[in-house]
């Protein structure tokens, strides 16, 4: 009688982990940082926020990216406590809260997120409202190395104001990989 031999089922391929954002921004507040073009007296009586990465201790990466993937809409952002920004913009010597960027042209200068009607978008955490300042990656997405895309360094510096003493902030990143939005949200903390 003929013998029928069933082929052994091929072992299932190990499922690849999904892409995710791996991000650690250094968000600090100081009286005078090493900011390109800033004078020593500029922040003598105030405080400025800085958001930086160095791709050593602080970084912004997208990991588990498979060959042939499409990565678009890469953003980085920081949420800044609304009432402190409002106080800066309506105080005795009002100044619009702005960012400068030392990382251009890799990242656009962060701007306040607004709704379709033009009003600022508000985020709330633990009863505190925040404005979100968003930057977009302006240069092409770097090619993955071993499934990891290391994004260009970030260097953002706010203008100075004493109203920023004790400000609450939050960093985050987002991207779309193969049509799937990825978001990484940091912890809210006071500086």
N, C-alpha and C. Protein backbone atom coordinates (compact mmCIF):
# COMPACT_ATOMS: atom_id res chain seq x y z
N UNK A 1 0.84 -1.19 0.00
CA UNK A 1 0.00 0.00 0.00
C UNK A 1 0.87 1.23 0.00
N UNK A 2 0.44 2.20 -0.79
CA UNK A 2 1.23 3.43 -0.77
C UNK A 2 1.15 4.10 0.58
N UNK A 3 2.21 4.75 0.92
CA UNK A 3 2.28 5.46 2.20
C UNK A 3 2.19 6.96 1.96
N UNK A 4 1.35 7.62 2.70
CA UNK A 4 1.22 9.08 2.61
C UNK A 4 1.93 9.68 3.81
N UNK A 5 2.87 10.50 3.52
CA UNK A 5 3.62 11.15 4.61
C UNK A 5 3.20 12.60 4.67
N UNK A 6 2.70 13.02 5.80
CA UNK A 6 2.30 14.42 5.98
C UNK A 6 3.54 15.24 6.30
N UNK A 7 3.67 16.29 5.58
CA UNK A 7 4.81 17.16 5.87
C UNK A 7 4.58 17.85 7.21
N UNK A 8 5.63 17.94 7.96
CA UNK A 8 5.52 18.62 9.26
C UNK A 8 5.23 20.09 9.02
N UNK A 9 4.37 20.63 9.83
CA UNK A 9 4.03 22.05 9.69
C UNK A 9 5.27 22.89 9.98
N UNK A 10 5.49 23.87 9.12
CA UNK A 10 6.63 24.77 9.33
C UNK A 10 6.41 25.56 10.61
N UNK A 11 7.45 25.77 11.38
CA UNK A 11 7.26 26.54 12.60
C UNK A 11 6.78 27.95 12.27
N UNK A 12 5.86 28.43 13.06
CA UNK A 12 5.32 29.77 12.82
C UNK A 12 6.43 30.80 13.01
N UNK A 13 6.45 31.78 12.11
CA UNK A 13 7.44 32.84 12.25
C UNK A 13 7.14 33.64 13.51
N UNK A 14 8.19 33.97 14.18
CA UNK A 14 8.00 34.79 15.38
C UNK A 14 7.42 36.13 14.97
N UNK A 15 6.38 36.53 15.66
CA UNK A 15 5.75 37.82 15.33
C UNK A 15 6.71 38.94 15.69
N UNK A 16 6.87 39.86 14.76
CA UNK A 16 7.74 41.00 15.02
C UNK A 16 7.01 41.96 15.96
N UNK A 17 7.73 42.56 16.91
CA UNK A 17 7.06 43.54 17.77
C UNK A 17 6.65 44.74 16.95
N UNK A 18 5.54 45.36 17.30
CA UNK A 18 5.07 46.51 16.51
C UNK A 18 5.98 47.72 16.69
N UNK A 19 6.00 48.61 15.72
CA UNK A 19 6.79 49.83 15.87
C UNK A 19 6.28 50.65 17.06
N UNK A 20 7.18 51.35 17.71
CA UNK A 20 6.82 52.23 18.82
C UNK A 20 7.82 53.36 18.91
N UNK A 21 7.41 54.43 19.59
CA UNK A 21 8.28 55.57 19.82
C UNK A 21 9.01 55.38 21.13
N UNK A 22 10.30 55.55 21.09
CA UNK A 22 11.17 55.48 22.27
C UNK A 22 11.77 56.88 22.42
N UNK A 23 11.35 57.61 23.44
CA UNK A 23 11.66 59.04 23.49
C UNK A 23 12.02 59.47 24.90
N UNK A 24 13.07 60.27 25.01
CA UNK A 24 13.45 60.88 26.29
C UNK A 24 13.97 62.28 26.01
N UNK A 25 13.11 63.30 26.22
CA UNK A 25 13.52 64.69 26.05
C UNK A 25 14.05 65.21 27.37
N UNK A 26 15.05 66.09 27.32
CA UNK A 26 15.48 66.81 28.51
C UNK A 26 14.72 68.13 28.51
N UNK A 27 13.78 68.27 29.44
CA UNK A 27 12.98 69.49 29.56
C UNK A 27 13.38 70.15 30.87
N UNK A 28 13.95 71.34 30.77
CA UNK A 28 14.45 72.02 31.96
C UNK A 28 14.01 73.48 31.97
N UNK A 29 14.15 74.09 33.14
CA UNK A 29 13.90 75.52 33.30
C UNK A 29 15.11 76.10 33.99
N UNK A 30 15.61 77.20 33.46
CA UNK A 30 16.79 77.81 34.05
C UNK A 30 16.80 79.30 33.86
N UNK A 31 17.72 79.96 34.52
CA UNK A 31 17.79 81.41 34.40
C UNK A 31 18.57 81.85 33.19
N UNK A 32 19.58 81.09 32.81
CA UNK A 32 20.31 81.45 31.60
C UNK A 32 21.01 80.22 31.06
N UNK A 33 20.53 79.73 29.95
CA UNK A 33 21.09 78.52 29.37
C UNK A 33 22.05 78.89 28.26
N UNK A 34 22.82 77.91 27.83
CA UNK A 34 23.71 78.13 26.70
C UNK A 34 22.87 78.09 25.43
N UNK A 35 22.26 79.22 25.13
CA UNK A 35 21.35 79.31 24.00
C UNK A 35 22.02 80.09 22.89
N UNK A 36 22.06 79.54 21.68
CA UNK A 36 22.68 80.28 20.58
C UNK A 36 22.06 81.67 20.43
N UNK A 37 22.89 82.70 20.44
CA UNK A 37 22.41 84.06 20.23
C UNK A 37 21.83 84.75 21.44
N UNK A 38 21.77 84.10 22.60
CA UNK A 38 21.19 84.72 23.79
C UNK A 38 22.26 85.43 24.59
N UNK A 39 21.93 86.64 25.04
CA UNK A 39 22.89 87.37 25.87
C UNK A 39 22.75 86.93 27.32
N UNK A 40 23.81 87.16 28.10
CA UNK A 40 23.81 86.76 29.51
C UNK A 40 22.71 87.50 30.26
N UNK A 41 22.47 88.77 29.93
CA UNK A 41 21.48 89.56 30.66
C UNK A 41 20.05 89.22 30.26
N UNK A 42 19.89 88.53 29.14
CA UNK A 42 18.55 88.28 28.62
C UNK A 42 17.67 87.54 29.62
N UNK A 43 18.24 86.62 30.38
CA UNK A 43 17.46 85.81 31.31
C UNK A 43 17.85 86.06 32.76
N UNK A 44 18.55 87.13 33.02
CA UNK A 44 19.04 87.37 34.37
C UNK A 44 17.93 87.38 35.40
N UNK A 45 16.80 88.03 35.09
CA UNK A 45 15.73 88.12 36.07
C UNK A 45 14.55 87.22 35.73
N UNK A 46 14.71 86.38 34.74
CA UNK A 46 13.60 85.52 34.34
C UNK A 46 14.02 84.08 34.23
N UNK A 47 13.16 83.29 33.65
CA UNK A 47 13.44 81.88 33.44
C UNK A 47 13.07 81.52 32.02
N UNK A 48 13.76 80.55 31.47
CA UNK A 48 13.44 80.05 30.15
C UNK A 48 13.30 78.54 30.23
N UNK A 49 12.47 78.01 29.34
CA UNK A 49 12.34 76.57 29.21
C UNK A 49 13.23 76.11 28.07
N UNK A 50 13.81 74.94 28.21
CA UNK A 50 14.55 74.34 27.11
C UNK A 50 14.12 72.89 26.95
N UNK A 51 14.06 72.46 25.70
CA UNK A 51 13.73 71.08 25.35
C UNK A 51 14.83 70.62 24.41
N UNK A 52 15.60 69.62 24.84
CA UNK A 52 16.75 69.18 24.04
C UNK A 52 16.88 67.66 24.01
N UNK A 53 17.58 67.20 22.98
CA UNK A 53 18.05 65.81 22.92
C UNK A 53 19.50 65.86 22.46
N UNK A 54 20.27 64.82 22.81
CA UNK A 54 21.66 64.75 22.36
C UNK A 54 21.98 63.43 21.66
N UNK A 55 20.99 62.54 21.56
CA UNK A 55 21.13 61.21 20.97
C UNK A 55 22.16 60.35 21.70
N UNK A 56 22.42 60.69 22.96
CA UNK A 56 23.24 59.86 23.83
C UNK A 56 22.43 59.53 25.08
N UNK A 57 22.21 60.54 25.92
CA UNK A 57 21.42 60.34 27.14
C UNK A 57 19.95 60.70 26.94
N UNK A 58 19.70 61.60 26.01
CA UNK A 58 18.33 61.97 25.66
C UNK A 58 18.17 61.77 24.17
N UNK A 59 16.98 61.37 23.74
CA UNK A 59 16.85 60.91 22.36
C UNK A 59 15.40 60.90 21.93
N UNK A 60 15.20 60.71 20.62
CA UNK A 60 13.88 60.52 20.03
C UNK A 60 14.09 59.48 18.93
N UNK A 61 13.55 58.27 19.15
CA UNK A 61 13.74 57.16 18.21
C UNK A 61 12.40 56.49 17.92
N UNK A 62 12.33 55.89 16.75
CA UNK A 62 11.21 55.01 16.42
C UNK A 62 11.83 53.63 16.23
N UNK A 63 11.41 52.68 17.04
CA UNK A 63 12.04 51.36 17.04
C UNK A 63 11.10 50.31 16.45
N UNK A 64 11.67 49.15 16.11
CA UNK A 64 10.95 48.02 15.52
C UNK A 64 10.37 48.36 14.15
N UNK A 65 11.09 49.16 13.39
CA UNK A 65 10.63 49.54 12.05
C UNK A 65 11.15 48.51 11.05
N UNK A 66 10.24 47.90 10.32
CA UNK A 66 10.61 46.88 9.36
C UNK A 66 11.03 47.51 8.03
N UNK A 67 11.87 46.81 7.29
CA UNK A 67 12.30 47.30 5.98
C UNK A 67 11.09 47.55 5.10
N UNK A 68 11.13 48.63 4.33
CA UNK A 68 10.03 48.96 3.44
C UNK A 68 8.89 49.71 4.10
N UNK A 69 9.02 50.02 5.38
CA UNK A 69 7.96 50.76 6.08
C UNK A 69 7.89 52.20 5.61
N UNK A 70 6.72 52.79 5.75
CA UNK A 70 6.52 54.20 5.44
C UNK A 70 6.33 54.95 6.75
N UNK A 71 7.18 55.94 6.98
CA UNK A 71 7.11 56.74 8.21
C UNK A 71 6.85 58.19 7.80
N UNK A 72 5.74 58.75 8.30
CA UNK A 72 5.35 60.11 7.96
C UNK A 72 4.87 60.85 9.20
N UNK A 73 4.62 62.14 9.02
CA UNK A 73 3.99 62.99 10.05
C UNK A 73 4.69 62.89 11.40
N UNK A 74 6.01 63.00 11.40
CA UNK A 74 6.77 62.93 12.65
C UNK A 74 6.72 64.29 13.33
N UNK A 75 6.26 64.32 14.57
CA UNK A 75 6.21 65.56 15.34
C UNK A 75 6.82 65.34 16.71
N UNK A 76 7.23 66.43 17.31
CA UNK A 76 7.67 66.45 18.70
C UNK A 76 6.99 67.66 19.32
N UNK A 77 6.62 67.56 20.59
CA UNK A 77 5.91 68.68 21.19
C UNK A 77 6.12 68.73 22.69
N UNK A 78 5.76 69.87 23.24
CA UNK A 78 5.82 70.06 24.69
C UNK A 78 4.54 70.80 25.09
N UNK A 79 3.93 70.35 26.18
CA UNK A 79 2.79 71.03 26.75
C UNK A 79 3.29 71.94 27.86
N UNK A 80 2.80 73.19 27.88
CA UNK A 80 3.24 74.17 28.86
C UNK A 80 2.00 74.70 29.58
N UNK A 81 2.09 74.80 30.88
CA UNK A 81 0.97 75.22 31.72
C UNK A 81 0.35 76.53 31.22
N UNK A 82 -0.95 76.50 30.92
CA UNK A 82 -1.67 77.61 30.30
C UNK A 82 -1.63 78.88 31.15
N UNK A 83 -1.94 78.78 32.44
CA UNK A 83 -2.05 80.01 33.22
C UNK A 83 -0.72 80.74 33.34
N UNK A 84 0.41 80.03 33.28
CA UNK A 84 1.70 80.70 33.33
C UNK A 84 2.02 81.40 32.01
N UNK A 85 1.64 80.77 30.89
CA UNK A 85 1.82 81.41 29.58
C UNK A 85 0.91 82.63 29.50
N UNK A 86 -0.35 82.49 29.94
CA UNK A 86 -1.29 83.61 29.91
C UNK A 86 -0.78 84.78 30.74
N UNK A 87 -0.21 84.49 31.91
CA UNK A 87 0.32 85.56 32.77
C UNK A 87 1.47 86.28 32.07
N UNK A 88 2.28 85.53 31.35
CA UNK A 88 3.40 86.13 30.62
C UNK A 88 2.89 87.04 29.50
N UNK A 89 1.79 86.62 28.86
CA UNK A 89 1.29 87.34 27.70
C UNK A 89 0.35 88.49 28.05
N UNK A 90 -0.07 88.59 29.32
CA UNK A 90 -0.99 89.66 29.70
C UNK A 90 -0.50 90.46 30.90
N UNK A 91 0.70 90.22 31.35
CA UNK A 91 1.22 90.88 32.55
C UNK A 91 1.57 92.34 32.32
N UNK A 92 2.38 92.86 33.24
CA UNK A 92 2.78 94.27 33.20
C UNK A 92 3.52 94.61 31.91
N UNK A 93 4.43 93.74 31.51
CA UNK A 93 5.17 93.91 30.25
C UNK A 93 4.89 92.69 29.38
N UNK A 94 3.71 92.63 28.74
CA UNK A 94 3.33 91.41 28.04
C UNK A 94 4.28 91.05 26.91
N UNK A 95 4.59 89.77 26.83
CA UNK A 95 5.44 89.22 25.78
C UNK A 95 4.83 87.91 25.31
N UNK A 96 4.69 87.73 24.02
CA UNK A 96 4.16 86.48 23.50
C UNK A 96 5.14 85.35 23.78
N UNK A 97 4.63 84.23 24.30
CA UNK A 97 5.47 83.07 24.58
C UNK A 97 5.88 82.45 23.25
N UNK A 98 7.17 82.39 22.99
CA UNK A 98 7.67 81.84 21.73
C UNK A 98 8.85 80.92 22.00
N UNK A 99 9.17 80.13 20.99
CA UNK A 99 10.34 79.25 21.02
C UNK A 99 11.29 79.66 19.91
N UNK A 100 12.58 79.47 20.16
CA UNK A 100 13.57 79.51 19.08
C UNK A 100 14.13 78.10 18.98
N UNK A 101 14.64 77.76 17.82
CA UNK A 101 15.15 76.42 17.59
C UNK A 101 16.58 76.48 17.08
N UNK A 102 17.46 75.73 17.74
CA UNK A 102 18.85 75.64 17.26
C UNK A 102 19.04 74.42 16.39
N UNK A 103 17.95 73.68 16.16
CA UNK A 103 18.05 72.44 15.39
C UNK A 103 17.49 72.59 13.98
N UNK A 104 17.16 73.81 13.57
CA UNK A 104 16.64 73.99 12.22
C UNK A 104 17.77 73.71 11.23
N UNK A 105 17.52 73.18 10.05
CA UNK A 105 16.20 72.95 9.48
C UNK A 105 15.62 71.57 9.79
N UNK A 106 16.25 70.80 10.69
CA UNK A 106 15.72 69.47 10.97
C UNK A 106 14.31 69.49 11.54
N UNK A 107 14.05 70.45 12.44
CA UNK A 107 12.73 70.58 13.06
C UNK A 107 12.22 71.99 12.85
N UNK A 108 10.93 72.12 12.61
CA UNK A 108 10.34 73.45 12.53
C UNK A 108 10.31 74.06 13.94
N UNK A 109 10.28 75.39 14.01
CA UNK A 109 10.17 76.05 15.30
C UNK A 109 8.81 75.71 15.90
N UNK A 110 8.75 75.28 17.16
CA UNK A 110 7.47 74.89 17.75
C UNK A 110 6.48 76.06 17.77
N UNK A 111 5.24 75.78 17.40
CA UNK A 111 4.18 76.77 17.44
C UNK A 111 2.99 76.20 18.22
N UNK A 112 2.21 77.12 18.79
CA UNK A 112 1.05 76.71 19.58
C UNK A 112 0.03 76.02 18.68
N UNK A 113 -0.46 74.87 19.14
CA UNK A 113 -1.48 74.13 18.40
C UNK A 113 -2.81 74.88 18.49
N UNK A 114 -3.47 75.03 17.34
CA UNK A 114 -4.77 75.69 17.31
C UNK A 114 -5.79 74.79 16.64
N UNK A 115 -7.06 75.03 16.98
CA UNK A 115 -8.16 74.26 16.39
C UNK A 115 -8.48 74.81 15.00
N UNK A 116 -9.45 74.20 14.34
CA UNK A 116 -9.88 74.66 13.03
C UNK A 116 -10.45 76.07 13.06
N UNK A 117 -10.90 76.51 14.23
CA UNK A 117 -11.44 77.87 14.36
C UNK A 117 -10.35 78.89 14.71
N UNK A 118 -9.13 78.40 14.91
CA UNK A 118 -8.03 79.31 15.22
C UNK A 118 -7.79 79.54 16.70
N UNK A 119 -8.61 78.95 17.55
CA UNK A 119 -8.40 79.12 18.99
C UNK A 119 -7.42 78.05 19.49
N UNK A 120 -6.63 78.39 20.54
CA UNK A 120 -5.66 77.42 21.04
C UNK A 120 -6.33 76.14 21.55
N UNK A 121 -5.73 75.00 21.24
CA UNK A 121 -6.22 73.72 21.75
C UNK A 121 -5.75 73.58 23.19
N UNK A 122 -6.64 73.16 24.06
CA UNK A 122 -6.29 72.99 25.47
C UNK A 122 -6.27 71.51 25.84
N UNK A 123 -5.27 71.14 26.62
CA UNK A 123 -5.16 69.81 27.19
C UNK A 123 -5.29 69.97 28.70
N UNK A 124 -5.94 69.02 29.37
CA UNK A 124 -6.12 69.11 30.81
C UNK A 124 -5.59 67.85 31.46
N UNK A 125 -4.82 68.04 32.53
CA UNK A 125 -4.34 66.91 33.33
C UNK A 125 -4.38 67.33 34.79
N UNK A 126 -5.07 66.53 35.60
CA UNK A 126 -5.12 66.76 37.04
C UNK A 126 -5.60 68.19 37.36
N UNK A 127 -6.57 68.67 36.58
CA UNK A 127 -7.15 69.99 36.82
C UNK A 127 -6.34 71.16 36.28
N UNK A 128 -5.19 70.89 35.64
CA UNK A 128 -4.34 71.95 35.09
C UNK A 128 -4.49 71.94 33.58
N UNK A 129 -4.66 73.13 32.98
CA UNK A 129 -4.77 73.24 31.53
C UNK A 129 -3.41 73.58 30.92
N UNK A 130 -3.21 73.07 29.69
CA UNK A 130 -1.93 73.23 28.99
C UNK A 130 -2.17 73.66 27.55
N UNK A 131 -1.23 74.45 27.03
CA UNK A 131 -1.11 74.70 25.60
C UNK A 131 -0.08 73.71 25.08
N UNK A 132 -0.26 73.27 23.84
CA UNK A 132 0.71 72.36 23.21
C UNK A 132 1.45 73.11 22.12
N UNK A 133 2.78 73.04 22.15
CA UNK A 133 3.63 73.66 21.14
C UNK A 133 4.26 72.53 20.32
N UNK A 134 3.97 72.53 19.02
CA UNK A 134 4.29 71.40 18.15
C UNK A 134 5.35 71.78 17.12
N UNK A 135 6.28 70.85 16.91
CA UNK A 135 7.29 70.98 15.87
C UNK A 135 7.19 69.78 14.95
N UNK A 136 7.39 70.01 13.65
CA UNK A 136 7.36 68.92 12.67
C UNK A 136 8.76 68.66 12.15
N UNK A 137 9.05 67.40 11.89
CA UNK A 137 10.32 67.06 11.27
C UNK A 137 10.34 67.63 9.86
N UNK A 138 11.31 68.51 9.59
CA UNK A 138 11.37 69.22 8.31
C UNK A 138 12.23 68.51 7.28
N UNK A 139 13.08 67.62 7.72
CA UNK A 139 13.99 66.91 6.82
C UNK A 139 13.47 65.48 6.61
N UNK A 140 13.96 64.78 5.60
CA UNK A 140 13.49 63.41 5.39
C UNK A 140 13.76 62.53 6.62
N UNK A 141 12.88 61.57 6.83
CA UNK A 141 13.05 60.63 7.94
C UNK A 141 14.32 59.83 7.69
N UNK A 142 15.24 59.77 8.68
CA UNK A 142 16.47 58.99 8.47
C UNK A 142 16.16 57.52 8.23
N UNK A 143 17.04 56.86 7.51
CA UNK A 143 16.86 55.43 7.25
C UNK A 143 17.04 54.65 8.55
N UNK A 144 16.28 53.56 8.71
CA UNK A 144 16.44 52.76 9.93
C UNK A 144 17.80 52.08 9.99
N UNK A 145 18.34 51.96 11.17
CA UNK A 145 19.55 51.19 11.42
C UNK A 145 19.14 50.11 12.40
N UNK A 146 19.23 48.84 11.99
CA UNK A 146 18.82 47.71 12.82
C UNK A 146 17.39 47.88 13.32
N UNK A 147 16.50 48.38 12.45
CA UNK A 147 15.11 48.53 12.83
C UNK A 147 14.81 49.75 13.68
N UNK A 148 15.83 50.62 13.89
CA UNK A 148 15.64 51.82 14.70
C UNK A 148 15.92 53.06 13.88
N UNK A 149 14.99 54.00 13.92
CA UNK A 149 15.20 55.30 13.29
C UNK A 149 15.54 56.28 14.41
N UNK A 150 16.73 56.85 14.34
CA UNK A 150 17.13 57.87 15.31
C UNK A 150 16.90 59.22 14.66
N UNK A 151 15.99 60.00 15.25
CA UNK A 151 15.61 61.28 14.67
C UNK A 151 16.63 62.36 15.02
N UNK A 152 16.71 63.42 14.21
CA UNK A 152 17.69 64.49 14.49
C UNK A 152 17.49 65.10 15.87
N UNK A 153 18.58 65.66 16.41
CA UNK A 153 18.51 66.24 17.75
C UNK A 153 17.57 67.44 17.77
N UNK A 154 17.03 67.70 18.95
CA UNK A 154 16.11 68.80 19.19
C UNK A 154 16.80 69.82 20.07
N UNK A 155 16.59 71.11 19.81
CA UNK A 155 17.12 72.18 20.64
C UNK A 155 16.17 73.36 20.60
N UNK A 156 15.23 73.42 21.55
CA UNK A 156 14.26 74.51 21.59
C UNK A 156 14.46 75.30 22.87
N UNK A 157 14.32 76.63 22.77
CA UNK A 157 14.51 77.50 23.93
C UNK A 157 13.42 78.56 23.92
N UNK A 158 12.71 78.69 25.03
CA UNK A 158 11.65 79.69 25.11
C UNK A 158 12.26 81.05 25.44
N UNK A 159 11.44 82.09 25.25
CA UNK A 159 11.86 83.38 25.76
C UNK A 159 11.70 83.38 27.28
N UNK A 160 12.20 84.41 27.92
CA UNK A 160 12.30 84.44 29.38
C UNK A 160 11.14 85.14 30.04
N UNK A 161 10.75 84.64 31.20
CA UNK A 161 9.73 85.30 32.00
C UNK A 161 9.74 84.73 33.40
N UNK A 162 9.58 85.61 34.39
CA UNK A 162 9.50 85.15 35.78
C UNK A 162 8.21 84.37 36.01
N UNK A 163 7.20 84.51 35.14
CA UNK A 163 5.95 83.76 35.33
C UNK A 163 6.16 82.26 35.14
N UNK A 164 7.28 81.86 34.54
CA UNK A 164 7.53 80.44 34.30
C UNK A 164 8.10 79.72 35.51
N UNK A 165 8.28 80.41 36.62
CA UNK A 165 8.79 79.76 37.83
C UNK A 165 7.76 78.75 38.33
N UNK A 166 8.19 77.50 38.44
CA UNK A 166 7.29 76.44 38.91
C UNK A 166 6.31 75.95 37.87
N UNK A 167 6.61 76.13 36.59
CA UNK A 167 5.70 75.74 35.52
C UNK A 167 5.61 74.22 35.40
N UNK A 168 4.44 73.74 35.00
CA UNK A 168 4.23 72.31 34.76
C UNK A 168 4.31 72.07 33.26
N UNK A 169 5.00 71.00 32.86
CA UNK A 169 5.23 70.70 31.44
C UNK A 169 5.06 69.21 31.17
N UNK A 170 4.99 68.87 29.89
CA UNK A 170 4.86 67.49 29.45
C UNK A 170 5.42 67.37 28.05
N UNK A 171 6.28 66.40 27.78
CA UNK A 171 6.83 66.18 26.45
C UNK A 171 6.17 65.00 25.78
N UNK A 172 6.12 65.04 24.44
CA UNK A 172 5.53 63.92 23.71
C UNK A 172 6.02 63.89 22.27
N UNK A 173 5.84 62.74 21.65
CA UNK A 173 6.21 62.58 20.25
C UNK A 173 5.15 61.79 19.53
N UNK A 174 5.06 61.97 18.21
CA UNK A 174 4.09 61.21 17.43
C UNK A 174 4.63 60.99 16.02
N UNK A 175 4.15 59.94 15.39
CA UNK A 175 4.51 59.61 14.01
C UNK A 175 3.46 58.66 13.47
N UNK A 176 3.45 58.50 12.16
CA UNK A 176 2.57 57.52 11.52
C UNK A 176 3.46 56.52 10.80
N UNK A 177 3.36 55.25 11.19
CA UNK A 177 4.15 54.19 10.57
C UNK A 177 3.20 53.22 9.88
N UNK A 178 3.37 53.10 8.57
CA UNK A 178 2.51 52.23 7.75
C UNK A 178 1.03 52.52 8.00
N UNK A 179 0.70 53.79 8.13
CA UNK A 179 -0.69 54.20 8.30
C UNK A 179 -1.21 54.14 9.73
N UNK A 180 -0.39 53.65 10.66
CA UNK A 180 -0.83 53.54 12.06
C UNK A 180 -0.20 54.66 12.88
N UNK A 181 -1.03 55.50 13.52
CA UNK A 181 -0.47 56.57 14.36
C UNK A 181 0.18 56.00 15.62
N UNK A 182 1.35 56.53 15.94
CA UNK A 182 2.05 56.18 17.18
C UNK A 182 2.17 57.45 18.02
N UNK A 183 1.97 57.32 19.31
CA UNK A 183 2.09 58.46 20.21
C UNK A 183 2.85 58.03 21.45
N UNK A 184 3.74 58.88 21.91
CA UNK A 184 4.45 58.65 23.16
C UNK A 184 4.24 59.88 24.03
N UNK A 185 3.63 59.71 25.19
CA UNK A 185 3.32 60.82 26.09
C UNK A 185 4.16 60.69 27.35
N UNK A 186 4.86 61.76 27.69
CA UNK A 186 5.68 61.74 28.89
C UNK A 186 4.87 62.03 30.15
N UNK A 187 5.57 62.11 31.27
CA UNK A 187 4.92 62.43 32.53
C UNK A 187 4.77 63.95 32.65
N UNK A 188 3.73 64.37 33.32
CA UNK A 188 3.56 65.78 33.63
C UNK A 188 4.41 66.06 34.85
N UNK A 189 5.22 67.11 34.79
CA UNK A 189 6.04 67.43 35.94
C UNK A 189 6.26 68.93 36.07
N UNK A 190 6.56 69.33 37.29
CA UNK A 190 6.76 70.75 37.58
C UNK A 190 8.25 71.05 37.54
N UNK A 191 8.61 72.19 36.93
CA UNK A 191 10.01 72.60 36.83
C UNK A 191 10.23 73.85 37.65
